[in-house]
Structures are given as C-alpha cells and as structure tokens.
Amino acid sequence: ESGEWATAFAGTIGALGVETPVPPTVNRYAGTGAATSV
C-alpha cells in the first residue's frame, strides 16, 4: 500500500528490464497441522 514494495522491485529486478507489476494479493491460508520432519 505504501509504495515501498514497488520502489524495491524497480530498483532490483526492475533494473534487469522487468516492468514493475501490481503487488499480489496476500493469501492468508489456514494452518495445516504439525510439521513433517525434513
């Protein structure tokens, strides 16, 4: 919302020739139980 994300993108990945996109929608998914060990 603040525009800090767009500034960060433009100065990094954007410098490689990628147009700054619209920020994505945060996915507030529910927890899925205990972790499986790696």
Full PDB file with SEQRES, HELIX, SHEET, SSBOND, CRYST1, ORIGX, SCALE, CONECT and MASTER records, all heavy atoms in Angstrom:
SEQRES   1 A   38  GLU SER GLY GLU TRP ALA THR ALA PHE ALA GLY THR ILE          
SEQRES   2 A   38  GLY ALA LEU GLY VAL GLU THR PRO VAL PRO PRO THR VAL          
SEQRES   3 A   38  ASN ARG TYR ALA GLY THR GLY ALA ALA THR SER VAL              
HELIX    1 AA1 GLU A    4  ALA A   10  1                                   7    
HELIX    2 AA2 ILE A   13  LEU A   16  5                                   4    
CRYST1    1.000    1.000    1.000  90.00  90.00  90.00 P 1           1          
ORIGX1      1.000000  0.000000  0.000000        0.00000                         
ORIGX2      0.000000  1.000000  0.000000        0.00000                         
ORIGX3      0.000000  0.000000  1.000000        0.00000                         
SCALE1      1.000000  0.000000  0.000000        0.00000                         
SCALE2      0.000000  1.000000  0.000000        0.00000                         
SCALE3      0.000000  0.000000  1.000000        0.00000                         
ATOM      1  N   GLU A   1       0.817  -1.215   0.000  1.00  0.00           N  
ATOM      2  CA  GLU A   1       0.000   0.000   0.000  1.00  0.00           C  
ATOM      3  C   GLU A   1       0.850   1.264   0.000  1.00  0.00           C  
ATOM      4  O   GLU A   1       0.509   2.260  -0.659  1.00  0.00           O  
ATOM      5  CB  GLU A   1      -0.923  -0.007   1.229  1.00  0.00           C  
ATOM      6  CG  GLU A   1      -1.855   1.188   1.326  1.00  0.00           C  
ATOM      7  CD  GLU A   1      -2.905   1.227   0.232  1.00  0.00           C  
ATOM      8  OE1 GLU A   1      -3.230   0.153  -0.314  1.00  0.00           O  
ATOM      9  OE2 GLU A   1      -3.394   2.342  -0.069  1.00  0.00           O  
ATOM     10  N   SER A   2       1.970   1.237   0.703  1.00  0.00           N  
ATOM     11  CA  SER A   2       2.787   2.447   0.865  1.00  0.00           C  
ATOM     12  C   SER A   2       3.608   2.791  -0.375  1.00  0.00           C  
ATOM     13  O   SER A   2       4.101   3.913  -0.501  1.00  0.00           O  
ATOM     14  CB  SER A   2       3.745   2.270   2.050  1.00  0.00           C  
ATOM     15  OG  SER A   2       4.738   1.283   1.759  1.00  0.00           O  
ATOM     16  N   GLY A   3       3.786   1.824  -1.258  1.00  0.00           N  
ATOM     17  CA  GLY A   3       4.630   2.052  -2.429  1.00  0.00           C  
ATOM     18  C   GLY A   3       6.072   1.625  -2.218  1.00  0.00           C  
ATOM     19  O   GLY A   3       6.875   1.632  -3.167  1.00  0.00           O  
ATOM     20  N   GLU A   4       6.427   1.209  -0.992  1.00  0.00           N  
ATOM     21  CA  GLU A   4       7.795   0.756  -0.712  1.00  0.00           C  
ATOM     22  C   GLU A   4       8.131  -0.510  -1.490  1.00  0.00           C  
ATOM     23  O   GLU A   4       9.271  -0.707  -1.928  1.00  0.00           O  
ATOM     24  CB  GLU A   4       7.964   0.519   0.786  1.00  0.00           C  
ATOM     25  CG  GLU A   4       7.879   1.775   1.632  1.00  0.00           C  
ATOM     26  CD  GLU A   4       7.786   1.462   3.112  1.00  0.00           C  
ATOM     27  OE1 GLU A   4       6.744   0.910   3.542  1.00  0.00           O  
ATOM     28  OE2 GLU A   4       8.752   1.768   3.834  1.00  0.00           O  
ATOM     29  N   TRP A   5       7.135  -1.368  -1.659  1.00  0.00           N  
ATOM     30  CA  TRP A   5       7.332  -2.608  -2.411  1.00  0.00           C  
ATOM     31  C   TRP A   5       7.694  -2.292  -3.867  1.00  0.00           C  
ATOM     32  O   TRP A   5       8.643  -2.865  -4.417  1.00  0.00           O  
ATOM     33  CB  TRP A   5       6.051  -3.448  -2.346  1.00  0.00           C  
ATOM     34  CG  TRP A   5       6.107  -4.743  -3.098  1.00  0.00           C  
ATOM     35  CD1 TRP A   5       6.511  -5.956  -2.618  1.00  0.00           C  
ATOM     36  CD2 TRP A   5       5.745  -4.963  -4.469  1.00  0.00           C  
ATOM     37  NE1 TRP A   5       6.423  -6.907  -3.603  1.00  0.00           N  
ATOM     38  CE2 TRP A   5       5.955  -6.333  -4.749  1.00  0.00           C  
ATOM     39  CE3 TRP A   5       5.258  -4.140  -5.475  1.00  0.00           C  
ATOM     40  CZ2 TRP A   5       5.694  -6.894  -6.004  1.00  0.00           C  
ATOM     41  CZ3 TRP A   5       5.012  -4.686  -6.724  1.00  0.00           C  
ATOM     42  CH2 TRP A   5       5.228  -6.049  -6.980  1.00  0.00           C  
ATOM     43  N   ALA A   6       6.943  -1.392  -4.488  1.00  0.00           N  
ATOM     44  CA  ALA A   6       7.194  -1.042  -5.887  1.00  0.00           C  
ATOM     45  C   ALA A   6       8.577  -0.417  -6.063  1.00  0.00           C  
ATOM     46  O   ALA A   6       9.289  -0.694  -7.039  1.00  0.00           O  
ATOM     47  CB  ALA A   6       6.116  -0.088  -6.392  1.00  0.00           C  
ATOM     48  N   THR A   7       8.979   0.419  -5.118  1.00  0.00           N  
ATOM     49  CA  THR A   7      10.302   1.033  -5.174  1.00  0.00           C  
ATOM     50  C   THR A   7      11.393  -0.024  -5.077  1.00  0.00           C  
ATOM     51  O   THR A   7      12.390   0.019  -5.813  1.00  0.00           O  
ATOM     52  CB  THR A   7      10.470   2.048  -4.028  1.00  0.00           C  
ATOM     53  OG1 THR A   7       9.494   3.083  -4.181  1.00  0.00           O  
ATOM     54  CG2 THR A   7      11.858   2.661  -4.043  1.00  0.00           C  
ATOM     55  N   ALA A   8      11.207  -0.995  -4.179  1.00  0.00           N  
ATOM     56  CA  ALA A   8      12.179  -2.076  -4.018  1.00  0.00           C  
ATOM     57  C   ALA A   8      12.278  -2.920  -5.283  1.00  0.00           C  
ATOM     58  O   ALA A   8      13.380  -3.283  -5.720  1.00  0.00           O  
ATOM     59  CB  ALA A   8      11.797  -2.948  -2.828  1.00  0.00           C  
ATOM     60  N   PHE A   9      11.139  -3.211  -5.896  1.00  0.00           N  
ATOM     61  CA  PHE A   9      11.139  -4.026  -7.117  1.00  0.00           C  
ATOM     62  C   PHE A   9      11.832  -3.288  -8.263  1.00  0.00           C  
ATOM     63  O   PHE A   9      12.680  -3.852  -8.957  1.00  0.00           O  
ATOM     64  CB  PHE A   9       9.703  -4.378  -7.516  1.00  0.00           C  
ATOM     65  CG  PHE A   9       9.604  -5.380  -8.640  1.00  0.00           C  
ATOM     66  CD1 PHE A   9       9.396  -6.725  -8.369  1.00  0.00           C  
ATOM     67  CD2 PHE A   9       9.726  -4.989  -9.969  1.00  0.00           C  
ATOM     68  CE1 PHE A   9       9.323  -7.660  -9.401  1.00  0.00           C  
ATOM     69  CE2 PHE A   9       9.657  -5.902 -11.001  1.00  0.00           C  
ATOM     70  CZ  PHE A   9       9.450  -7.245 -10.713  1.00  0.00           C  
ATOM     71  N   ALA A  10      11.475  -2.027  -8.445  1.00  0.00           N  
ATOM     72  CA  ALA A  10      12.028  -1.245  -9.553  1.00  0.00           C  
ATOM     73  C   ALA A  10      13.538  -1.111  -9.454  1.00  0.00           C  
ATOM     74  O   ALA A  10      14.235  -1.091 -10.476  1.00  0.00           O  
ATOM     75  CB  ALA A  10      11.379   0.139  -9.586  1.00  0.00           C  
ATOM     76  N   GLY A  11      14.063  -1.052  -8.244  1.00  0.00           N  
ATOM     77  CA  GLY A  11      15.497  -0.867  -8.069  1.00  0.00           C  
ATOM     78  C   GLY A  11      16.305  -2.145  -8.120  1.00  0.00           C  
ATOM     79  O   GLY A  11      17.544  -2.087  -8.084  1.00  0.00           O  
ATOM     80  N   THR A  12      15.655  -3.279  -8.216  1.00  0.00           N  
ATOM     81  CA  THR A  12      16.368  -4.562  -8.201  1.00  0.00           C  
ATOM     82  C   THR A  12      16.029  -5.392  -9.448  1.00  0.00           C  
ATOM     83  O   THR A  12      16.713  -5.299 -10.454  1.00  0.00           O  
ATOM     84  CB  THR A  12      16.028  -5.340  -6.916  1.00  0.00           C  
ATOM     85  OG1 THR A  12      14.588  -5.435  -6.779  1.00  0.00           O  
ATOM     86  CG2 THR A  12      16.591  -4.636  -5.694  1.00  0.00           C  
ATOM     87  N   ILE A  13      14.949  -6.148  -9.400  1.00  0.00           N  
ATOM     88  CA  ILE A  13      14.540  -6.943 -10.558  1.00  0.00           C  
ATOM     89  C   ILE A  13      14.187  -6.030 -11.721  1.00  0.00           C  
ATOM     90  O   ILE A  13      14.473  -6.341 -12.887  1.00  0.00           O  
ATOM     91  CB  ILE A  13      13.344  -7.850 -10.191  1.00  0.00           C  
ATOM     92  CG1 ILE A  13      13.758  -8.840  -9.101  1.00  0.00           C  
ATOM     93  CG2 ILE A  13      12.844  -8.613 -11.422  1.00  0.00           C  
ATOM     94  CD1 ILE A  13      12.624  -9.702  -8.588  1.00  0.00           C  
ATOM     95  N   GLY A  14      13.579  -4.889 -11.417  1.00  0.00           N  
ATOM     96  CA  GLY A  14      13.222  -3.941 -12.470  1.00  0.00           C  
ATOM     97  C   GLY A  14      14.426  -3.451 -13.242  1.00  0.00           C  
ATOM     98  O   GLY A  14      14.328  -3.141 -14.437  1.00  0.00           O  
ATOM     99  N   ALA A  15      15.582  -3.377 -12.587  1.00  0.00           N  
ATOM    100  CA  ALA A  15      16.799  -2.925 -13.244  1.00  0.00           C  
ATOM    101  C   ALA A  15      17.282  -3.910 -14.303  1.00  0.00           C  
ATOM    102  O   ALA A  15      18.129  -3.569 -15.147  1.00  0.00           O  
ATOM    103  CB  ALA A  15      17.899  -2.699 -12.208  1.00  0.00           C  
ATOM    104  N   LEU A  16      16.737  -5.131 -14.281  1.00  0.00           N  
ATOM    105  CA  LEU A  16      17.081  -6.142 -15.275  1.00  0.00           C  
ATOM    106  C   LEU A  16      16.148  -6.094 -16.479  1.00  0.00           C  
ATOM    107  O   LEU A  16      16.247  -6.932 -17.378  1.00  0.00           O  
ATOM    108  CB  LEU A  16      17.030  -7.538 -14.640  1.00  0.00           C  
ATOM    109  CG  LEU A  16      17.991  -7.774 -13.460  1.00  0.00           C  
ATOM    110  CD1 LEU A  16      17.758  -9.154 -12.857  1.00  0.00           C  
ATOM    111  CD2 LEU A  16      19.439  -7.623 -13.907  1.00  0.00           C  
ATOM    112  N   GLY A  17      15.236  -5.119 -16.493  1.00  0.00           N  
ATOM    113  CA  GLY A  17      14.357  -4.946 -17.643  1.00  0.00           C  
ATOM    114  C   GLY A  17      12.946  -5.441 -17.450  1.00  0.00           C  
ATOM    115  O   GLY A  17      12.188  -5.553 -18.423  1.00  0.00           O  
ATOM    116  N   VAL A  18      12.555  -5.724 -16.197  1.00  0.00           N  
ATOM    117  CA  VAL A  18      11.201  -6.201 -15.908  1.00  0.00           C  
ATOM    118  C   VAL A  18      10.352  -5.034 -15.434  1.00  0.00           C  
ATOM    119  O   VAL A  18      10.733  -4.309 -14.515  1.00  0.00           O  
ATOM    120  CB  VAL A  18      11.216  -7.300 -14.825  1.00  0.00           C  
ATOM    121  CG1 VAL A  18       9.800  -7.796 -14.550  1.00  0.00           C  
ATOM    122  CG2 VAL A  18      12.112  -8.444 -15.249  1.00  0.00           C  
ATOM    123  N   GLU A  19       9.196  -4.858 -16.046  1.00  0.00           N  
ATOM    124  CA  GLU A  19       8.285  -3.795 -15.621  1.00  0.00           C  
ATOM    125  C   GLU A  19       7.710  -4.126 -14.251  1.00  0.00           C  
ATOM    126  O   GLU A  19       7.331  -5.260 -13.974  1.00  0.00           O  
ATOM    127  CB  GLU A  19       7.156  -3.643 -16.643  1.00  0.00           C  
ATOM    128  CG  GLU A  19       6.216  -2.485 -16.357  1.00  0.00           C  
ATOM    129  CD  GLU A  19       5.164  -2.309 -17.438  1.00  0.00           C  
ATOM    130  OE1 GLU A  19       5.298  -2.919 -18.519  1.00  0.00           O  
ATOM    131  OE2 GLU A  19       4.202  -1.563 -17.194  1.00  0.00           O  
ATOM    132  N   THR A  20       7.627  -3.128 -13.382  1.00  0.00           N  
ATOM    133  CA  THR A  20       7.103  -3.342 -12.036  1.00  0.00           C  
ATOM    134  C   THR A  20       5.627  -3.733 -12.102  1.00  0.00           C  
ATOM    135  O   THR A  20       4.804  -2.981 -12.627  1.00  0.00           O  
ATOM    136  CB  THR A  20       7.255  -2.078 -11.180  1.00  0.00           C  
ATOM    137  OG1 THR A  20       8.637  -1.722 -11.117  1.00  0.00           O  
ATOM    138  CG2 THR A  20       6.736  -2.317  -9.767  1.00  0.00           C  
ATOM    139  N   PRO A  21       5.282  -4.909 -11.574  1.00  0.00           N  
ATOM    140  CA  PRO A  21       3.891  -5.366 -11.651  1.00  0.00           C  
ATOM    141  C   PRO A  21       3.047  -4.807 -10.515  1.00  0.00           C  
ATOM    142  O   PRO A  21       3.542  -4.111  -9.628  1.00  0.00           O  
ATOM    143  CB  PRO A  21       4.036  -6.893 -11.503  1.00  0.00           C  
ATOM    144  CG  PRO A  21       5.219  -7.032 -10.580  1.00  0.00           C  
ATOM    145  CD  PRO A  21       6.166  -5.905 -10.945  1.00  0.00           C  
ATOM    146  N   VAL A  22       1.776  -5.125 -10.549  1.00  0.00           N  
ATOM    147  CA  VAL A  22       0.889  -4.827  -9.429  1.00  0.00           C  
ATOM    148  C   VAL A  22       1.192  -5.828  -8.315  1.00  0.00           C  
ATOM    149  O   VAL A  22       1.381  -7.018  -8.591  1.00  0.00           O  
ATOM    150  CB  VAL A  22      -0.590  -4.948  -9.860  1.00  0.00           C  
ATOM    151  CG1 VAL A  22      -1.519  -4.774  -8.662  1.00  0.00           C  
ATOM    152  CG2 VAL A  22      -0.907  -3.927 -10.945  1.00  0.00           C  
ATOM    153  N   PRO A  23       1.280  -5.408  -7.056  1.00  0.00           N  
ATOM    154  CA  PRO A  23       1.557  -6.363  -5.974  1.00  0.00           C  
ATOM    155  C   PRO A  23       0.504  -7.460  -5.931  1.00  0.00           C  
ATOM    156  O   PRO A  23      -0.667  -7.226  -6.246  1.00  0.00           O  
ATOM    157  CB  PRO A  23       1.502  -5.498  -4.710  1.00  0.00           C  
ATOM    158  CG  PRO A  23       1.742  -4.109  -5.179  1.00  0.00           C  
ATOM    159  CD  PRO A  23       1.136  -4.027  -6.554  1.00  0.00           C  
ATOM    160  N   PRO A  24       0.898  -8.657  -5.531  1.00  0.00           N  
ATOM    161  CA  PRO A  24      -0.075  -9.748  -5.453  1.00  0.00           C  
ATOM    162  C   PRO A  24      -0.980  -9.610  -4.241  1.00  0.00           C  
ATOM    163  O   PRO A  24      -0.756  -8.752  -3.379  1.00  0.00           O  
ATOM    164  CB  PRO A  24       0.829 -10.989  -5.308  1.00  0.00           C  
ATOM    165  CG  PRO A  24       2.042 -10.470  -4.602  1.00  0.00           C  
ATOM    166  CD  PRO A  24       2.259  -9.084  -5.136  1.00  0.00           C  
ATOM    167  N   THR A  25      -1.990 -10.433  -4.177  1.00  0.00           N  
ATOM    168  CA  THR A  25      -2.879 -10.481  -3.009  1.00  0.00           C  
ATOM    169  C   THR A  25      -2.313 -11.473  -2.009  1.00  0.00           C  
ATOM    170  O   THR A  25      -1.989 -12.613  -2.367  1.00  0.00           O  
ATOM    171  CB  THR A  25      -4.294 -10.912  -3.418  1.00  0.00           C  
ATOM    172  OG1 THR A  25      -4.820  -9.955  -4.348  1.00  0.00           O  
ATOM    173  CG2 THR A  25      -5.207 -10.997  -2.202  1.00  0.00           C  
ATOM    174  N   VAL A  26      -2.171 -11.056  -0.767  1.00  0.00           N  
ATOM    175  CA  VAL A  26      -1.673 -11.956   0.275  1.00  0.00           C  
ATOM    176  C   VAL A  26      -2.685 -13.071   0.514  1.00  0.00           C  
ATOM    177  O   VAL A  26      -3.884 -12.820   0.624  1.00  0.00           O  
ATOM    178  CB  VAL A  26      -1.411 -11.174   1.578  1.00  0.00           C  
ATOM    179  CG1 VAL A  26      -1.169 -12.130   2.740  1.00  0.00           C  
ATOM    180  CG2 VAL A  26      -0.217 -10.244   1.404  1.00  0.00           C  
ATOM    181  N   ASN A  27      -2.185 -14.297   0.582  1.00  0.00           N  
ATOM    182  CA  ASN A  27      -3.041 -15.462   0.791  1.00  0.00           C  
ATOM    183  C   ASN A  27      -2.952 -15.883   2.253  1.00  0.00           C  
ATOM    184  O   ASN A  27      -1.987 -16.504   2.673  1.00  0.00           O  
ATOM    185  CB  ASN A  27      -2.592 -16.615  -0.121  1.00  0.00           C  
ATOM    186  CG  ASN A  27      -3.473 -17.843   0.031  1.00  0.00           C  
ATOM    187  OD1 ASN A  27      -4.420 -17.859   0.811  1.00  0.00           O  
ATOM    188  ND2 ASN A  27      -3.159 -18.887  -0.708  1.00  0.00           N  
ATOM    189  N   ARG A  28      -3.953 -15.536   3.040  1.00  0.00           N  
ATOM    190  CA  ARG A  28      -3.945 -15.857   4.468  1.00  0.00           C  
ATOM    191  C   ARG A  28      -4.561 -17.238   4.696  1.00  0.00           C  
ATOM    192  O   ARG A  28      -5.630 -17.381   5.293  1.00  0.00           O  
ATOM    193  CB  ARG A  28      -4.698 -14.784   5.253  1.00  0.00           C  
ATOM    194  CG  ARG A  28      -4.002 -13.425   5.234  1.00  0.00           C  
ATOM    195  CD  ARG A  28      -4.828 -12.360   5.936  1.00  0.00           C  
ATOM    196  NE  ARG A  28      -4.128 -11.088   5.955  1.00  0.00           N  
ATOM    197  CZ  ARG A  28      -3.299 -10.696   6.930  1.00  0.00           C  
ATOM    198  NH1 ARG A  28      -3.067 -11.494   7.958  1.00  0.00           N  
ATOM    199  NH2 ARG A  28      -2.698  -9.530   6.862  1.00  0.00           N  
ATOM    200  N   TYR A  29      -3.851 -18.241   4.214  1.00  0.00           N  
ATOM    201  CA  TYR A  29      -4.369 -19.608   4.326  1.00  0.00           C  
ATOM    202  C   TYR A  29      -4.321 -20.079   5.777  1.00  0.00           C  
ATOM    203  O   TYR A  29      -3.522 -19.612   6.589  1.00  0.00           O  
ATOM    204  CB  TYR A  29      -3.574 -20.557   3.431  1.00  0.00           C  
ATOM    205  CG  TYR A  29      -2.120 -20.710   3.819  1.00  0.00           C  
ATOM    206  CD1 TYR A  29      -1.722 -21.665   4.753  1.00  0.00           C  
ATOM    207  CD2 TYR A  29      -1.137 -19.905   3.243  1.00  0.00           C  
ATOM    208  CE1 TYR A  29      -0.402 -21.802   5.108  1.00  0.00           C  
ATOM    209  CE2 TYR A  29       0.188 -20.033   3.601  1.00  0.00           C  
ATOM    210  CZ  TYR A  29       0.554 -20.984   4.529  1.00  0.00           C  
ATOM    211  OH  TYR A  29       1.869 -21.113   4.892  1.00  0.00           O  
ATOM    212  N   ALA A  30      -5.167 -21.051   6.097  1.00  0.00           N  
ATOM    213  CA  ALA A  30      -5.209 -21.597   7.450  1.00  0.00           C  
ATOM    214  C   ALA A  30      -4.065 -22.568   7.655  1.00  0.00           C  
ATOM    215  O   ALA A  30      -3.508 -23.116   6.700  1.00  0.00           O  
ATOM    216  CB  ALA A  30      -6.542 -22.304   7.680  1.00  0.00           C  
ATOM    217  N   GLY A  31      -3.693 -22.783   8.909  1.00  0.00           N  
ATOM    218  CA  GLY A  31      -2.639 -23.738   9.220  1.00  0.00           C  
ATOM    219  C   GLY A  31      -3.031 -25.145   8.778  1.00  0.00           C  
ATOM    220  O   GLY A  31      -4.209 -25.483   8.702  1.00  0.00           O  
ATOM    221  N   THR A  32      -2.011 -25.969   8.535  1.00  0.00           N  
ATOM    222  CA  THR A  32      -2.278 -27.323   8.011  1.00  0.00           C  
ATOM    223  C   THR A  32      -1.746 -28.412   8.930  1.00  0.00           C  
ATOM    224  O   THR A  32      -1.358 -29.476   8.483  1.00  0.00           O  
ATOM    225  CB  THR A  32      -1.648 -27.480   6.610  1.00  0.00           C  
ATOM    226  OG1 THR A  32      -0.253 -27.144   6.679  1.00  0.00           O  
ATOM    227  CG2 THR A  32      -2.338 -26.582   5.612  1.00  0.00           C  
ATOM    228  N   GLY A  33      -1.714 -28.152  10.238  1.00  0.00           N  
ATOM    229  CA  GLY A  33      -1.311 -29.190  11.178  1.00  0.00           C  
ATOM    230  C   GLY A  33       0.172 -29.169  11.488  1.00  0.00           C  
ATOM    231  O   GLY A  33       0.895 -28.243  11.158  1.00  0.00           O  
ATOM    232  N   ALA A  34       0.609 -30.242  12.151  1.00  0.00           N  
ATOM    233  CA  ALA A  34       2.001 -30.333  12.583  1.00  0.00           C  
ATOM    234  C   ALA A  34       2.942 -30.494  11.399  1.00  0.00           C  
ATOM    235  O   ALA A  34       2.572 -31.023  10.355  1.00  0.00           O  
ATOM    236  CB  ALA A  34       2.164 -31.508  13.544  1.00  0.00           C  
ATOM    237  N   ALA A  35       4.160 -30.051  11.595  1.00  0.00           N  
ATOM    238  CA  ALA A  35       5.146 -30.120  10.523  1.00  0.00           C  
ATOM    239  C   ALA A  35       5.674 -31.528  10.340  1.00  0.00           C  
ATOM    240  O   ALA A  35       5.825 -32.286  11.295  1.00  0.00           O  
ATOM    241  CB  ALA A  35       6.304 -29.180  10.824  1.00  0.00           C  
ATOM    242  N   THR A  36       5.932 -31.889   9.098  1.00  0.00           N  
ATOM    243  CA  THR A  36       6.631 -33.118   8.773  1.00  0.00           C  
ATOM    244  C   THR A  36       8.121 -32.835   8.826  1.00  0.00           C  
ATOM    245  O   THR A  36       8.580 -31.805   8.337  1.00  0.00           O  
ATOM    246  CB  THR A  36       6.248 -33.601   7.374  1.00  0.00           C  
ATOM    247  OG1 THR A  36       4.835 -33.816   7.332  1.00  0.00           O  
ATOM    248  CG2 THR A  36       6.973 -34.891   7.017  1.00  0.00           C  
ATOM    249  N   SER A  37       8.892 -33.731   9.435  1.00  0.00           N  
ATOM    250  CA  SER A  37      10.333 -33.500   9.526  1.00  0.00           C  
ATOM    251  C   SER A  37      10.990 -33.642   8.170  1.00  0.00           C  
ATOM    252  O   SER A  37      10.604 -34.488   7.357  1.00  0.00           O  
ATOM    253  CB  SER A  37      10.965 -34.501  10.502  1.00  0.00           C  
ATOM    254  OG  SER A  37      10.468 -34.292  11.807  1.00  0.00           O  
ATOM    255  N   VAL A  38      11.982 -32.809   7.941  1.00  0.00           N  
ATOM    256  CA  VAL A  38      12.757 -32.878   6.708  1.00  0.00           C  
ATOM    257  C   VAL A  38      13.954 -33.774   6.947  1.00  0.00           C  
ATOM    258  O   VAL A  38      14.714 -33.565   7.895  1.00  0.00           O  
ATOM    259  CB  VAL A  38      13.233 -31.477   6.276  1.00  0.00           C  
ATOM    260  CG1 VAL A  38      14.100 -31.561   5.037  1.00  0.00           C  
ATOM    261  CG2 VAL A  38      12.028 -30.589   6.012  1.00  0.00           C  
TER     262      VAL A  38                                                      
MASTER        0    0    0    2    0    0    0    6  261    1    0    3          
END                                                                             
